PDB file of N, CA and C in Angstrom:
ATOM      1  N   MET A   1      92.336 110.646 112.867  1.00  0.00           N
ATOM      2  CA  MET A   1      92.383 109.909 112.133  1.00  0.00           C
ATOM      3  C   MET A   1      92.849 108.451 113.161  1.00  0.00           C
ATOM      4  N   GLN A   2      92.062 107.518 112.149  1.00  0.00           N
ATOM      5  CA  GLN A   2      92.646 106.026 113.028  1.00  0.00           C
ATOM      6  C   GLN A   2      93.463 105.589 113.374  1.00  0.00           C
ATOM      7  N   PHE A   3      94.326 104.805 114.180  1.00  0.00           N
ATOM      8  CA  PHE A   3      95.484 104.426 113.553  1.00  0.00           C
ATOM      9  C   PHE A   3      95.754 102.527 115.284  1.00  0.00           C
ATOM     10  N   PRO A   4      94.135 101.834 114.368  1.00  0.00           N
ATOM     11  CA  PRO A   4      94.271 100.787 115.213  1.00  0.00           C
ATOM     12  C   PRO A   4      95.503  99.922 115.630  1.00  0.00           C
ATOM     13  N   GLU A   5      95.141 100.383 117.316  1.00  0.00           N
ATOM     14  CA  GLU A   5      96.028  99.066 117.584  1.00  0.00           C
ATOM     15  C   GLU A   5      96.511  97.999 117.457  1.00  0.00           C
ATOM     16  N   ASN A   6      95.242  97.387 117.100  1.00  0.00           N
ATOM     17  CA  ASN A   6      96.123  95.613 117.459  1.00  0.00           C
ATOM     18  C   ASN A   6      95.760  95.303 115.091  1.00  0.00           C
ATOM     19  N   LEU A   7      96.689  96.779 114.368  1.00  0.00           N
ATOM     20  CA  LEU A   7      96.951  96.210 113.150  1.00  0.00           C
ATOM     21  C   LEU A   7      98.673  96.290 113.418  1.00  0.00           C
ATOM     22  N   ARG A   8      99.435  95.968 112.209  1.00  0.00           N
ATOM     23  CA  ARG A   8     100.146  96.539 111.854  1.00  0.00           C
ATOM     24  C   ARG A   8      99.983  97.348 110.639  1.00  0.00           C
ATOM     25  N   TYR A   9     101.573  98.099 110.281  1.00  0.00           N
ATOM     26  CA  TYR A   9     101.300  99.112 109.675  1.00  0.00           C
ATOM     27  C   TYR A   9     102.926  98.267 108.351  1.00  0.00           C
ATOM     28  N   THR A  10     102.094  99.472 106.964  1.00  0.00           N
ATOM     29  CA  THR A  10     103.580  99.577 106.405  1.00  0.00           C
ATOM     30  C   THR A  10     104.077 100.592 106.009  1.00  0.00           C
ATOM     31  N   LYS A  11     105.325 101.146 105.804  1.00  0.00           N
ATOM     32  CA  LYS A  11     105.269 102.523 105.296  1.00  0.00           C
ATOM     33  C   LYS A  11     105.015 102.691 103.621  1.00  0.00           C
ATOM     34  N   ASP A  12     104.150 101.204 103.273  1.00  0.00           N
ATOM     35  CA  ASP A  12     103.327 101.869 102.098  1.00  0.00           C
ATOM     36  C   ASP A  12     101.957 101.852 101.968  1.00  0.00           C
ATOM     37  N   HIS A  13     101.708 102.075 103.517  1.00  0.00           N
ATOM     38  CA  HIS A  13     100.569 102.131 104.047  1.00  0.00           C
ATOM     39  C   HIS A  13      99.217 101.550 103.697  1.00  0.00           C
ATOM     40  N   GLU A  14      99.660  99.877 103.750  1.00  0.00           N
ATOM     41  CA  GLU A  14      98.823  98.763 104.014  1.00  0.00           C
ATOM     42  C   GLU A  14      98.484  98.441 105.229  1.00  0.00           C
ATOM     43  N   TRP A  15      97.607  97.638 105.341  1.00  0.00           N
ATOM     44  CA  TRP A  15      97.933  97.447 107.375  1.00  0.00           C
ATOM     45  C   TRP A  15      97.528  95.898 107.434  1.00  0.00           C
ATOM     46  N   ILE A  16      97.467  94.829 108.481  1.00  0.00           N
ATOM     47  CA  ILE A  16      97.709  93.859 108.628  1.00  0.00           C
ATOM     48  C   ILE A  16      97.001  93.607 109.396  1.00  0.00           C
ATOM     49  N   ARG A  17      95.870  92.968 109.101  1.00  0.00           N
ATOM     50  CA  ARG A  17      95.501  91.932 110.744  1.00  0.00           C
ATOM     51  C   ARG A  17      96.069  90.632 110.386  1.00  0.00           C
ATOM     52  N   LEU A  18      96.422  90.252 111.988  1.00  0.00           N
ATOM     53  CA  LEU A  18      96.479  88.359 111.348  1.00  0.00           C
ATOM     54  C   LEU A  18      96.519  87.901 112.817  1.00  0.00           C
ATOM     55  N   GLU A  19      95.631  87.179 112.106  1.00  0.00           N
ATOM     56  CA  GLU A  19      95.061  85.896 113.411  1.00  0.00           C
ATOM     57  C   GLU A  19      95.366  83.599 113.332  1.00  0.00           C
ATOM     58  N   GLY A  20      95.883  84.141 113.727  1.00  0.00           N
ATOM     59  CA  GLY A  20      96.378  82.193 113.839  1.00  0.00           C
ATOM     60  C   GLY A  20      97.663  82.686 112.332  1.00  0.00           C
ATOM     61  N   ASN A  21      97.443  82.226 111.463  1.00  0.00           N
ATOM     62  CA  ASN A  21      98.766  81.842 110.185  1.00  0.00           C
ATOM     63  C   ASN A  21      97.677  83.091 108.928  1.00  0.00           C
ATOM     64  N   ILE A  22      96.822  83.525 108.961  1.00  0.00           N
ATOM     65  CA  ILE A  22      95.724  84.359 108.370  1.00  0.00           C
ATOM     66  C   ILE A  22      95.751  86.026 108.342  1.00  0.00           C
ATOM     67  N   ALA A  23      95.544  86.256 107.520  1.00  0.00           N
ATOM     68  CA  ALA A  23      96.062  87.855 107.996  1.00  0.00           C
ATOM     69  C   ALA A  23      94.933  88.670 106.816  1.00  0.00           C
ATOM     70  N   THR A  24      94.467  89.594 107.253  1.00  0.00           N
ATOM     71  CA  THR A  24      93.742  90.323 105.900  1.00  0.00           C
ATOM     72  C   THR A  24      94.641  91.613 106.058  1.00  0.00           C
ATOM     73  N   ILE A  25      93.506  92.463 105.022  1.00  0.00           N
ATOM     74  CA  ILE A  25      94.885  93.310 104.854  1.00  0.00           C
ATOM     75  C   ILE A  25      94.215  94.043 103.953  1.00  0.00           C
ATOM     76  N   GLY A  26      94.469  95.424 103.629  1.00  0.00           N
ATOM     77  CA  GLY A  26      93.669  96.441 103.717  1.00  0.00           C
ATOM     78  C   GLY A  26      94.603  98.426 103.491  1.00  0.00           C
ATOM     79  N   ILE A  27      94.456  99.281 102.785  1.00  0.00           N
ATOM     80  CA  ILE A  27      94.690 100.143 103.145  1.00  0.00           C
ATOM     81  C   ILE A  27      94.457 101.508 103.910  1.00  0.00           C
ATOM     82  N   THR A  28      95.785 101.976 104.290  1.00  0.00           N
ATOM     83  CA  THR A  28      94.570 102.507 106.039  1.00  0.00           C
ATOM     84  C   THR A  28      94.051 103.731 105.076  1.00  0.00           C
ATOM     85  N   GLU A  29      93.757 104.515 106.476  1.00  0.00           N
ATOM     86  CA  GLU A  29      92.443 105.716 106.400  1.00  0.00           C
ATOM     87  C   GLU A  29      93.335 106.254 105.929  1.00  0.00           C
ATOM     88  N   PHE A  30      94.908 106.789 105.987  1.00  0.00           N
ATOM     89  CA  PHE A  30      95.597 107.877 105.822  1.00  0.00           C
ATOM     90  C   PHE A  30      95.983 107.942 104.222  1.00  0.00           C
ATOM     91  N   ALA A  31      96.145 106.610 103.865  1.00  0.00           N
ATOM     92  CA  ALA A  31      96.317 106.500 102.243  1.00  0.00           C
ATOM     93  C   ALA A  31      95.209 106.536 101.443  1.00  0.00           C
ATOM     94  N   GLN A  32      93.927 105.744 102.302  1.00  0.00           N
ATOM     95  CA  GLN A  32      92.241 106.134 101.216  1.00  0.00           C
ATOM     96  C   GLN A  32      92.054 108.251 101.560  1.00  0.00           C
ATOM     97  N   SER A  33      92.383 108.370 102.228  1.00  0.00           N
ATOM     98  CA  SER A  33      92.924 109.632 102.322  1.00  0.00           C
ATOM     99  C   SER A  33      93.215 110.865 101.309  1.00  0.00           C
ATOM    100  N   GLU A  34      94.391 110.140 101.495  1.00  0.00           N
ATOM    101  CA  GLU A  34      96.016 110.868 100.017  1.00  0.00           C
ATOM    102  C   GLU A  34      95.056 110.126  98.824  1.00  0.00           C
ATOM    103  N   LEU A  35      94.418 109.031  98.509  1.00  0.00           N
ATOM    104  CA  LEU A  35      94.119 108.661  97.161  1.00  0.00           C
ATOM    105  C   LEU A  35      92.762 109.923  96.454  1.00  0.00           C
ATOM    106  N   GLY A  36      91.704 110.395  97.550  1.00  0.00           N
ATOM    107  CA  GLY A  36      90.390 110.687  96.914  1.00  0.00           C
ATOM    108  C   GLY A  36      90.209 109.142  96.992  1.00  0.00           C
ATOM    109  N   ASP A  37      88.560 109.598  96.254  1.00  0.00           N
ATOM    110  CA  ASP A  37      88.078 108.930  95.856  1.00  0.00           C
ATOM    111  C   ASP A  37      88.156 107.626  94.900  1.00  0.00           C
ATOM    112  N   ILE A  38      87.890 106.728  95.686  1.00  0.00           N
ATOM    113  CA  ILE A  38      88.857 105.261  95.069  1.00  0.00           C
ATOM    114  C   ILE A  38      87.583 105.055  93.825  1.00  0.00           C
ATOM    115  N   VAL A  39      87.733 104.891  92.962  1.00  0.00           N
ATOM    116  CA  VAL A  39      86.884 104.387  91.678  1.00  0.00           C
ATOM    117  C   VAL A  39      86.819 102.732  91.401  1.00  0.00           C
ATOM    118  N   TYR A  40      87.861 102.236  91.615  1.00  0.00           N
ATOM    119  CA  TYR A  40      88.168 101.121  91.228  1.00  0.00           C
ATOM    120  C   TYR A  40      89.145 100.306  91.728  1.00  0.00           C
ATOM    121  N   VAL A  41      89.278  98.648  92.063  1.00  0.00           N
ATOM    122  CA  VAL A  41      90.502  98.275  92.868  1.00  0.00           C
ATOM    123  C   VAL A  41      90.907  96.884  92.172  1.00  0.00           C
ATOM    124  N   GLU A  42      91.495  96.425  91.920  1.00  0.00           N
ATOM    125  CA  GLU A  42      92.106  95.355  90.445  1.00  0.00           C
ATOM    126  C   GLU A  42      92.806  94.764  91.387  1.00  0.00           C
ATOM    127  N   ILE A  43      92.602  93.277  91.849  1.00  0.00           N
ATOM    128  CA  ILE A  43      93.323  92.157  92.649  1.00  0.00           C
ATOM    129  C   ILE A  43      93.229  91.072  91.303  1.00  0.00           C
ATOM    130  N   GLU A  44      93.843  90.871  91.142  1.00  0.00           N
ATOM    131  CA  GLU A  44      93.874  89.274  89.943  1.00  0.00           C
ATOM    132  C   GLU A  44      94.858  88.215  90.675  1.00  0.00           C
ATOM    133  N   THR A  45      95.899  88.323  91.550  1.00  0.00           N
ATOM    134  CA  THR A  45      96.917  87.742  92.094  1.00  0.00           C
ATOM    135  C   THR A  45      95.994  86.506  93.143  1.00  0.00           C
ATOM    136  N   LYS A  46      94.841  86.122  93.186  1.00  0.00           N
ATOM    137  CA  LYS A  46      94.393  85.030  94.166  1.00  0.00           C
ATOM    138  C   LYS A  46      94.814  83.634  94.202  1.00  0.00           C
ATOM    139  N   GLY A  47      94.878  82.970  94.633  1.00  0.00           N
ATOM    140  CA  GLY A  47      95.677  81.824  94.729  1.00  0.00           C
ATOM    141  C   GLY A  47      97.359  81.822  94.416  1.00  0.00           C
ATOM    142  N   GLU A  48      97.828  82.934  94.252  1.00  0.00           N
ATOM    143  CA  GLU A  48      98.932  83.029  93.977  1.00  0.00           C
ATOM    144  C   GLU A  48      99.874  83.317  95.398  1.00  0.00           C
ATOM    145  N   ALA A  49     101.705  82.851  95.268  1.00  0.00           N
ATOM    146  CA  ALA A  49     102.065  83.346  96.242  1.00  0.00           C
ATOM    147  C   ALA A  49     103.407  84.059  96.565  1.00  0.00           C
ATOM    148  N   LEU A  50     103.158  85.018  97.115  1.00  0.00           N
ATOM    149  CA  LEU A  50     104.271  86.668  96.588  1.00  0.00           C
ATOM    150  C   LEU A  50     104.422  86.445  97.663  1.00  0.00           C
ATOM    151  N   GLY A  51     106.010  87.410  97.425  1.00  0.00           N
ATOM    152  CA  GLY A  51     107.482  87.161  98.525  1.00  0.00           C
ATOM    153  C   GLY A  51     106.212  89.232  99.315  1.00  0.00           C
ATOM    154  N   ALA A  52     106.621  89.037 100.027  1.00  0.00           N
ATOM    155  CA  ALA A  52     106.836  90.693 101.220  1.00  0.00           C
ATOM    156  C   ALA A  52     107.161  91.740  99.670  1.00  0.00           C
ATOM    157  N   GLU A  53     106.571  93.334 100.193  1.00  0.00           N
ATOM    158  CA  GLU A  53     106.242  93.607  98.853  1.00  0.00           C
ATOM    159  C   GLU A  53     106.087  93.556  97.596  1.00  0.00           C
ATOM    160  N   ALA A  54     105.790  92.385  96.987  1.00  0.00           N
ATOM    161  CA  ALA A  54     105.350  92.438  95.878  1.00  0.00           C
ATOM    162  C   ALA A  54     104.054  92.912  95.625  1.00  0.00           C
ATOM    163  N   ILE A  55     104.206  93.686  93.899  1.00  0.00           N
ATOM    164  CA  ILE A  55     102.603  93.850  94.046  1.00  0.00           C
ATOM    165  C   ILE A  55     101.601  93.219  94.136  1.00  0.00           C
ATOM    166  N   PHE A  56     100.220  93.584  94.635  1.00  0.00           N
ATOM    167  CA  PHE A  56      99.135  92.085  94.137  1.00  0.00           C
ATOM    168  C   PHE A  56      97.993  92.719  94.272  1.00  0.00           C
ATOM    169  N   GLY A  57      98.114  93.713  93.364  1.00  0.00           N
ATOM    170  CA  GLY A  57      96.845  94.581  92.879  1.00  0.00           C
ATOM    171  C   GLY A  57      97.398  96.831  92.465  1.00  0.00           C
ATOM    172  N   THR A  58      96.392  96.824  92.148  1.00  0.00           N
ATOM    173  CA  THR A  58      96.375  98.255  92.257  1.00  0.00           C
ATOM    174  C   THR A  58      94.553  98.593  92.647  1.00  0.00           C
ATOM    175  N   VAL A  59      95.205 100.312  93.034  1.00  0.00           N
ATOM    176  CA  VAL A  59      93.592 100.773  93.390  1.00  0.00           C
ATOM    177  C   VAL A  59      93.339 102.368  92.604  1.00  0.00           C
ATOM    178  N   GLU A  60      92.413 102.694  92.165  1.00  0.00           N
ATOM    179  CA  GLU A  60      92.278 103.743  90.862  1.00  0.00           C
ATOM    180  C   GLU A  60      91.263 104.493  91.951  1.00  0.00           C
ATOM    181  N   ALA A  61      92.071 105.521  91.564  1.00  0.00           N
ATOM    182  CA  ALA A  61      91.652 107.030  92.346  1.00  0.00           C
ATOM    183  C   ALA A  61      90.618 107.864  91.006  1.00  0.00           C
ATOM    184  N   VAL A  62      89.910 109.169  91.861  1.00  0.00           N
ATOM    185  CA  VAL A  62      89.986 109.785  90.355  1.00  0.00           C
ATOM    186  C   VAL A  62      90.716 110.385  89.841  1.00  0.00           C
ATOM    187  N   LYS A  63      91.986 110.306  90.585  1.00  0.00           N
ATOM    188  CA  LYS A  63      93.251 111.441  89.939  1.00  0.00           C
ATOM    189  C   LYS A  63      94.146 110.452  89.964  1.00  0.00           C
ATOM    190  N   THR A  64      94.428 109.685  90.161  1.00  0.00           N
ATOM    191  CA  THR A  64      95.427 108.306  90.127  1.00  0.00           C
ATOM    192  C   THR A  64      95.181 106.841  90.689  1.00  0.00           C
ATOM    193  N   VAL A  65      96.101 106.184  90.113  1.00  0.00           N
ATOM    194  CA  VAL A  65      96.665 104.932  90.151  1.00  0.00           C
ATOM    195  C   VAL A  65      97.085 104.662  90.994  1.00  0.00           C
ATOM    196  N   SER A  66      97.885 103.311  92.355  1.00  0.00           N
ATOM    197  CA  SER A  66      98.033 103.485  93.214  1.00  0.00           C
ATOM    198  C   SER A  66      98.257 101.534  92.875  1.00  0.00           C
ATOM    199  N   ASP A  67      99.592 101.498  93.628  1.00  0.00           N
ATOM    200  CA  ASP A  67      99.728  99.603  93.232  1.00  0.00           C
ATOM    201  C   ASP A  67      99.984  99.228  94.957  1.00  0.00           C
ATOM    202  N   LEU A  68      99.564  98.033  95.380  1.00  0.00           N
ATOM    203  CA  LEU A  68      99.006  97.573  96.115  1.00  0.00           C
ATOM    204  C   LEU A  68     100.001  96.655  96.451  1.00  0.00           C
ATOM    205  N   PHE A  69     100.930  96.789  97.411  1.00  0.00           N
ATOM    206  CA  PHE A  69     102.067  95.983  98.164  1.00  0.00           C
ATOM    207  C   PHE A  69     102.138  95.048  99.527  1.00  0.00           C
ATOM    208  N   LEU A  70     102.205  94.030  99.284  1.00  0.00           N
ATOM    209  CA  LEU A  70     101.899  92.523 100.123  1.00  0.00           C
ATOM    210  C   LEU A  70     103.172  93.307 101.694  1.00  0.00           C
ATOM    211  N   PRO A  71     102.351  92.636 102.140  1.00  0.00           N
ATOM    212  CA  PRO A  71     102.919  93.339 103.943  1.00  0.00           C
ATOM    213  C   PRO A  71     104.273  91.952 103.964  1.00  0.00           C
ATOM    214  N   VAL A  72     103.867  90.989 103.488  1.00  0.00           N
ATOM    215  CA  VAL A  72     104.800  90.211 103.955  1.00  0.00           C
ATOM    216  C   VAL A  72     104.255  88.665 103.173  1.00  0.00           C
ATOM    217  N   ALA A  73     104.466  87.795 103.340  1.00  0.00           N
ATOM    218  CA  ALA A  73     104.970  86.873 102.204  1.00  0.00           C
ATOM    219  C   ALA A  73     104.324  85.330 102.478  1.00  0.00           C
ATOM    220  N   GLY A  74     103.333  85.010 101.305  1.00  0.00           N
ATOM    221  CA  GLY A  74     102.149  84.581 101.056  1.00  0.00           C
ATOM    222  C   GLY A  74     101.514  84.015 100.056  1.00  0.00           C
ATOM    223  N   THR A  75     100.315  83.369 100.302  1.00  0.00           N
ATOM    224  CA  THR A  75      99.311  82.748  99.314  1.00  0.00           C
ATOM    225  C   THR A  75      97.734  83.938  99.718  1.00  0.00           C
ATOM    226  N   ILE A  76      97.908  84.460  98.213  1.00  0.00           N
ATOM    227  CA  ILE A  76      96.460  85.036  98.730  1.00  0.00           C
ATOM    228  C   ILE A  76      95.279  83.968  98.558  1.00  0.00           C
ATOM    229  N   THR A  77      94.546  84.352  99.483  1.00  0.00           N
ATOM    230  CA  THR A  77      93.160  82.836  99.014  1.00  0.00           C
ATOM    231  C   THR A  77      91.775  83.724  99.101  1.00  0.00           C
ATOM    232  N   GLU A  78      92.089  84.986  99.057  1.00  0.00           N
ATOM    233  CA  GLU A  78      90.560  85.545  98.886  1.00  0.00           C
ATOM    234  C   GLU A  78      90.455  87.042  98.902  1.00  0.00           C
ATOM    235  N   VAL A  79      89.563  87.931  97.917  1.00  0.00           N
ATOM    236  CA  VAL A  79      89.511  88.960  97.497  1.00  0.00           C
ATOM    237  C   VAL A  79      88.468  89.259  97.903  1.00  0.00           C
ATOM    238  N   ASN A  80      87.624  90.146  98.109  1.00  0.00           N
ATOM    239  CA  ASN A  80      86.912  90.695  98.944  1.00  0.00           C
ATOM    240  C   ASN A  80      86.062  91.441  97.943  1.00  0.00           C
ATOM    241  N   PRO A  81      84.820  90.507  98.072  1.00  0.00           N
ATOM    242  CA  PRO A  81      84.103  90.585  96.533  1.00  0.00           C
ATOM    243  C   PRO A  81      83.235  91.821  96.654  1.00  0.00           C
ATOM    244  N   ALA A  82      83.233  92.391  97.611  1.00  0.00           N
ATOM    245  CA  ALA A  82      81.485  93.763  98.589  1.00  0.00           C
ATOM    246  C   ALA A  82      82.748  95.090  97.255  1.00  0.00           C
ATOM    247  N   LEU A  83      84.160  94.929  96.794  1.00  0.00           N
ATOM    248  CA  LEU A  83      84.834  96.422  96.297  1.00  0.00           C
ATOM    249  C   LEU A  83      84.341  95.980  94.932  1.00  0.00           C
ATOM    250  N   GLU A  84      83.769  95.265  94.571  1.00  0.00           N
ATOM    251  CA  GLU A  84      83.574  95.346  92.618  1.00  0.00           C
ATOM    252  C   GLU A  84      82.616  96.104  92.455  1.00  0.00           C
ATOM    253  N   ALA A  85      81.814  95.828  93.255  1.00  0.00           N
ATOM    254  CA  ALA A  85      80.508  96.937  93.198  1.00  0.00           C
ATOM    255  C   ALA A  85      80.589  98.229  94.191  1.00  0.00           C
ATOM    256  N   GLN A  86      81.655  98.256  95.079  1.00  0.00           N
ATOM    257  CA  GLN A  86      81.630  99.389  95.845  1.00  0.00           C
ATOM    258  C   GLN A  86      83.125  99.306  96.324  1.00  0.00           C
ATOM    259  N   PRO A  87      84.063 100.432  94.817  1.00  0.00           N
ATOM    260  CA  PRO A  87      85.313 100.172  95.843  1.00  0.00           C
ATOM    261  C   PRO A  87      84.783 101.514  96.859  1.00  0.00           C
ATOM    262  N   GLU A  88      84.018 102.149  97.248  1.00  0.00           N
ATOM    263  CA  GLU A  88      84.081 103.631  97.764  1.00  0.00           C
ATOM    264  C   GLU A  88      83.700 102.653  99.446  1.00  0.00           C
ATOM    265  N   LEU A  89      83.726 101.654  99.127  1.00  0.00           N
ATOM    266  CA  LEU A  89      84.008 100.714 100.749  1.00  0.00           C
ATOM    267  C   LEU A  89      85.835 101.275 101.189  1.00  0.00           C
ATOM    268  N   VAL A  90      86.661 101.004 100.655  1.00  0.00           N
ATOM    269  CA  VAL A  90      87.484 101.093 101.094  1.00  0.00           C
ATOM    270  C   VAL A  90      87.767 102.529 101.511  1.00  0.00           C
ATOM    271  N   ASN A  91      87.545 103.535 101.539  1.00  0.00           N
ATOM    272  CA  ASN A  91      87.218 104.997 101.632  1.00  0.00           C
ATOM    273  C   ASN A  91      85.956 105.705 103.132  1.00  0.00           C
ATOM    274  N   ASN A  92      85.192 104.335 102.936  1.00  0.00           N
ATOM    275  CA  ASN A  92      83.976 104.340 103.907  1.00  0.00           C
ATOM    276  C   ASN A  92      84.573 103.668 105.518  1.00  0.00           C
ATOM    277  N   ASP A  93      84.685 102.864 105.172  1.00  0.00           N
ATOM    278  CA  ASP A  93      85.224 101.965 105.952  1.00  0.00           C
ATOM    279  C   ASP A  93      86.682 101.044 105.689  1.00  0.00           C
ATOM    280  N   PRO A  94      88.028 101.393 105.754  1.00  0.00           N
ATOM    281  CA  PRO A  94      88.530 100.910 105.675  1.00  0.00           C
ATOM    282  C   PRO A  94      89.595  99.610 106.578  1.00  0.00           C
ATOM    283  N   TYR A  95      89.151  99.935 107.238  1.00  0.00           N
ATOM    284  CA  TYR A  95      89.497  98.969 108.645  1.00  0.00           C
ATOM    285  C   TYR A  95      88.752  97.859 108.375  1.00  0.00           C
ATOM    286  N   GLY A  96      87.754  98.275 108.276  1.00  0.00           N
ATOM    287  CA  GLY A  96      86.185  96.825 108.263  1.00  0.00           C
ATOM    288  C   GLY A  96      86.077  96.396 106.952  1.00  0.00           C
ATOM    289  N   ASP A  97      85.107  96.893 106.590  1.00  0.00           N
ATOM    290  CA  ASP A  97      83.979  96.130 105.757  1.00  0.00           C
ATOM    291  C   ASP A  97      85.576  97.024 103.897  1.00  0.00           C
ATOM    292  N   GLY A  98      85.822  97.689 103.921  1.00  0.00           N
ATOM    293  CA  GLY A  98      87.264  98.487 103.249  1.00  0.00           C
ATOM    294  C   GLY A  98      88.296  96.914 102.562  1.00  0.00           C
ATOM    295  N   TRP A  99      87.812  95.775 103.630  1.00  0.00           N
ATOM    296  CA  TRP A  99      89.133  94.852 103.829  1.00  0.00           C
ATOM    297  C   TRP A  99      89.594  94.320 102.038  1.00  0.00           C
ATOM    298  N   MET A 100      90.704  93.988 101.583  1.00  0.00           N
ATOM    299  CA  MET A 100      91.132  93.749 100.299  1.00  0.00           C
ATOM    300  C   MET A 100      91.531  92.937 100.116  1.00  0.00           C
ATOM    301  N   ILE A 101      91.943  92.004 100.900  1.00  0.00           N
ATOM    302  CA  ILE A 101      92.617  90.230 100.870  1.00  0.00           C
ATOM    303  C   ILE A 101      92.227  90.096 102.328  1.00  0.00           C
ATOM    304  N   LYS A 102      92.449  88.780 101.933  1.00  0.00           N
ATOM    305  CA  LYS A 102      93.018  87.452 102.934  1.00  0.00           C
ATOM    306  C   LYS A 102      94.178  87.067 102.401  1.00  0.00           C
ATOM    307  N   MET A 103      94.715  86.685 102.488  1.00  0.00           N
ATOM    308  CA  MET A 103      96.585  85.389 103.287  1.00  0.00           C
ATOM    309  C   MET A 103      96.978  83.980 103.641  1.00  0.00           C
ATOM    310  N   THR A 104      97.388  83.815 103.699  1.00  0.00           N
ATOM    311  CA  THR A 104      97.664  82.532 104.295  1.00  0.00           C
ATOM    312  C   THR A 104      99.603  83.207 104.538  1.00  0.00           C
ATOM    313  N   VAL A 105      99.752  83.333 105.465  1.00  0.00           N
ATOM    314  CA  VAL A 105     101.133  83.708 106.197  1.00  0.00           C
ATOM    315  C   VAL A 105     102.113  82.639 105.756  1.00  0.00           C
ATOM    316  N   ASN A 106     103.333  82.716 105.039  1.00  0.00           N
ATOM    317  CA  ASN A 106     104.533  81.854 105.704  1.00  0.00           C
ATOM    318  C   ASN A 106     105.092  81.693 106.643  1.00  0.00           C
ATOM    319  N   ASN A 107     105.138  82.697 107.371  1.00  0.00           N
ATOM    320  CA  ASN A 107     105.737  83.331 108.362  1.00  0.00           C
ATOM    321  C   ASN A 107     105.038  84.312 109.602  1.00  0.00           C
ATOM    322  N   PRO A 108     104.091  83.667 110.917  1.00  0.00           N
ATOM    323  CA  PRO A 108     103.145  85.026 111.356  1.00  0.00           C
ATOM    324  C   PRO A 108     104.332  85.734 111.649  1.00  0.00           C
ATOM    325  N   ALA A 109     105.688  85.550 112.084  1.00  0.00           N
ATOM    326  CA  ALA A 109     106.625  85.724 112.753  1.00  0.00           C
ATOM    327  C   ALA A 109     106.805  87.295 112.243  1.00  0.00           C
ATOM    328  N   ASP A 110     106.448  87.448 110.804  1.00  0.00           N
ATOM    329  CA  ASP A 110     107.111  88.502 110.186  1.00  0.00           C
ATOM    330  C   ASP A 110     106.544  89.693 110.020  1.00  0.00           C
ATOM    331  N   VAL A 111     105.016  89.724 110.605  1.00  0.00           N
ATOM    332  CA  VAL A 111     104.591  90.676 111.294  1.00  0.00           C
ATOM    333  C   VAL A 111     104.698  91.064 112.323  1.00  0.00           C
ATOM    334  N   ASP A 112     105.572  90.968 113.144  1.00  0.00           N
ATOM    335  CA  ASP A 112     106.226  91.841 114.484  1.00  0.00           C
ATOM    336  C   ASP A 112     107.285  92.716 113.340  1.00  0.00           C
ATOM    337  N   GLY A 113     107.897  92.487 112.720  1.00  0.00           N
ATOM    338  CA  GLY A 113     108.920  93.484 112.305  1.00  0.00           C
ATOM    339  C   GLY A 113     108.015  94.981 111.728  1.00  0.00           C
ATOM    340  N   LEU A 114     106.985  94.351 111.510  1.00  0.00           N
ATOM    341  CA  LEU A 114     105.490  95.565 110.720  1.00  0.00           C
ATOM    342  C   LEU A 114     105.772  96.922 111.925  1.00  0.00           C
ATOM    343  N   LEU A 115     105.683  97.673 111.354  1.00  0.00           N
ATOM    344  CA  LEU A 115     104.971  99.221 112.002  1.00  0.00           C
ATOM    345  C   LEU A 115     104.014  99.354 113.457  1.00  0.00           C
ATOM    346  N   SER A 116     104.065  99.803 114.422  1.00  0.00           N
ATOM    347  CA  SER A 116     103.283  99.482 115.412  1.00  0.00           C
ATOM    348  C   SER A 116     102.311 100.636 114.991  1.00  0.00           C
ATOM    349  N   ALA A 117     101.148 101.200 115.573  1.00  0.00           N
ATOM    350  CA  ALA A 117     100.435 101.899 115.336  1.00  0.00           C
ATOM    351  C   ALA A 117     100.809 103.412 115.379  1.00  0.00           C
ATOM    352  N   ASP A 118     101.574 103.269 116.801  1.00  0.00           N
ATOM    353  CA  ASP A 118     102.666 104.770 116.728  1.00  0.00           C
ATOM    354  C   ASP A 118     103.589 104.829 116.058  1.00  0.00           C
ATOM    355  N   ALA A 119     104.147 103.783 115.561  1.00  0.00           N
ATOM    356  CA  ALA A 119     105.374 104.037 114.851  1.00  0.00           C
ATOM    357  C   ALA A 119     104.681 104.551 113.517  1.00  0.00           C
ATOM    358  N   TYR A 120     103.533 104.425 113.156  1.00  0.00           N
ATOM    359  CA  TYR A 120     103.140 104.462 111.354  1.00  0.00           C
ATOM    360  C   TYR A 120     102.409 106.017 112.160  1.00  0.00           C
ATOM    361  N   LYS A 121     101.605 105.879 113.238  1.00  0.00           N
ATOM    362  CA  LYS A 121     101.345 107.597 113.402  1.00  0.00           C
ATOM    363  C   LYS A 121     102.374 108.577 112.828  1.00  0.00           C
ATOM    364  N   ASN A 122     103.586 108.325 113.530  1.00  0.00           N
ATOM    365  CA  ASN A 122     104.455 109.159 113.945  1.00  0.00           C
ATOM    366  C   ASN A 122     105.233 108.833 112.146  1.00  0.00           C
ATOM    367  N   LEU A 123     104.666 107.961 111.145  1.00  0.00           N
ATOM    368  CA  LEU A 123     105.733 108.191 110.085  1.00  0.00           C
ATOM    369  C   LEU A 123     104.032 109.166 109.321  1.00  0.00           C
ATOM    370  N   VAL A 124     103.343 109.050 109.972  1.00  0.00           N
ATOM    371  CA  VAL A 124     102.917 110.161 108.063  1.00  0.00           C
ATOM    372  C   VAL A 124     101.994 111.810 108.809  1.00  0.00           C
ATOM    373  N   GLY A 125     102.620 111.067 110.137  1.00  0.00           N
ATOM    374  CA  GLY A 125     102.299 112.498 111.031  1.00  0.00           C
ATOM    375  C   GLY A 125     101.676 113.294 111.660  1.00  0.00           C
TER     376      GLY A 125
END
């Protein structure tokens, strides 16, 4: 299982990659493996300013539906358009083509308070 060092993680199994004040967010390899085959990703919060830990969408797998939580506060600027036709990208490439949203982060320093790759690896065992 991969835990890329250049990302930060949440206890809810989202990852975040920060470039300046723009963040790309998705779910971790661990999360997608626990969910199973993902059949639908619903994110209708583009353009919304949300707080940290707010629900920004849902992911539907064959057996369950799971909420997606924002790692830090900010405004959602983009939703991955490929996921509408190919939700399985989240399973196949969770840290690459399976990203979910991009957002403008209110305070980039907040990302430093999230879990490092080692801390997340310890969390999931």
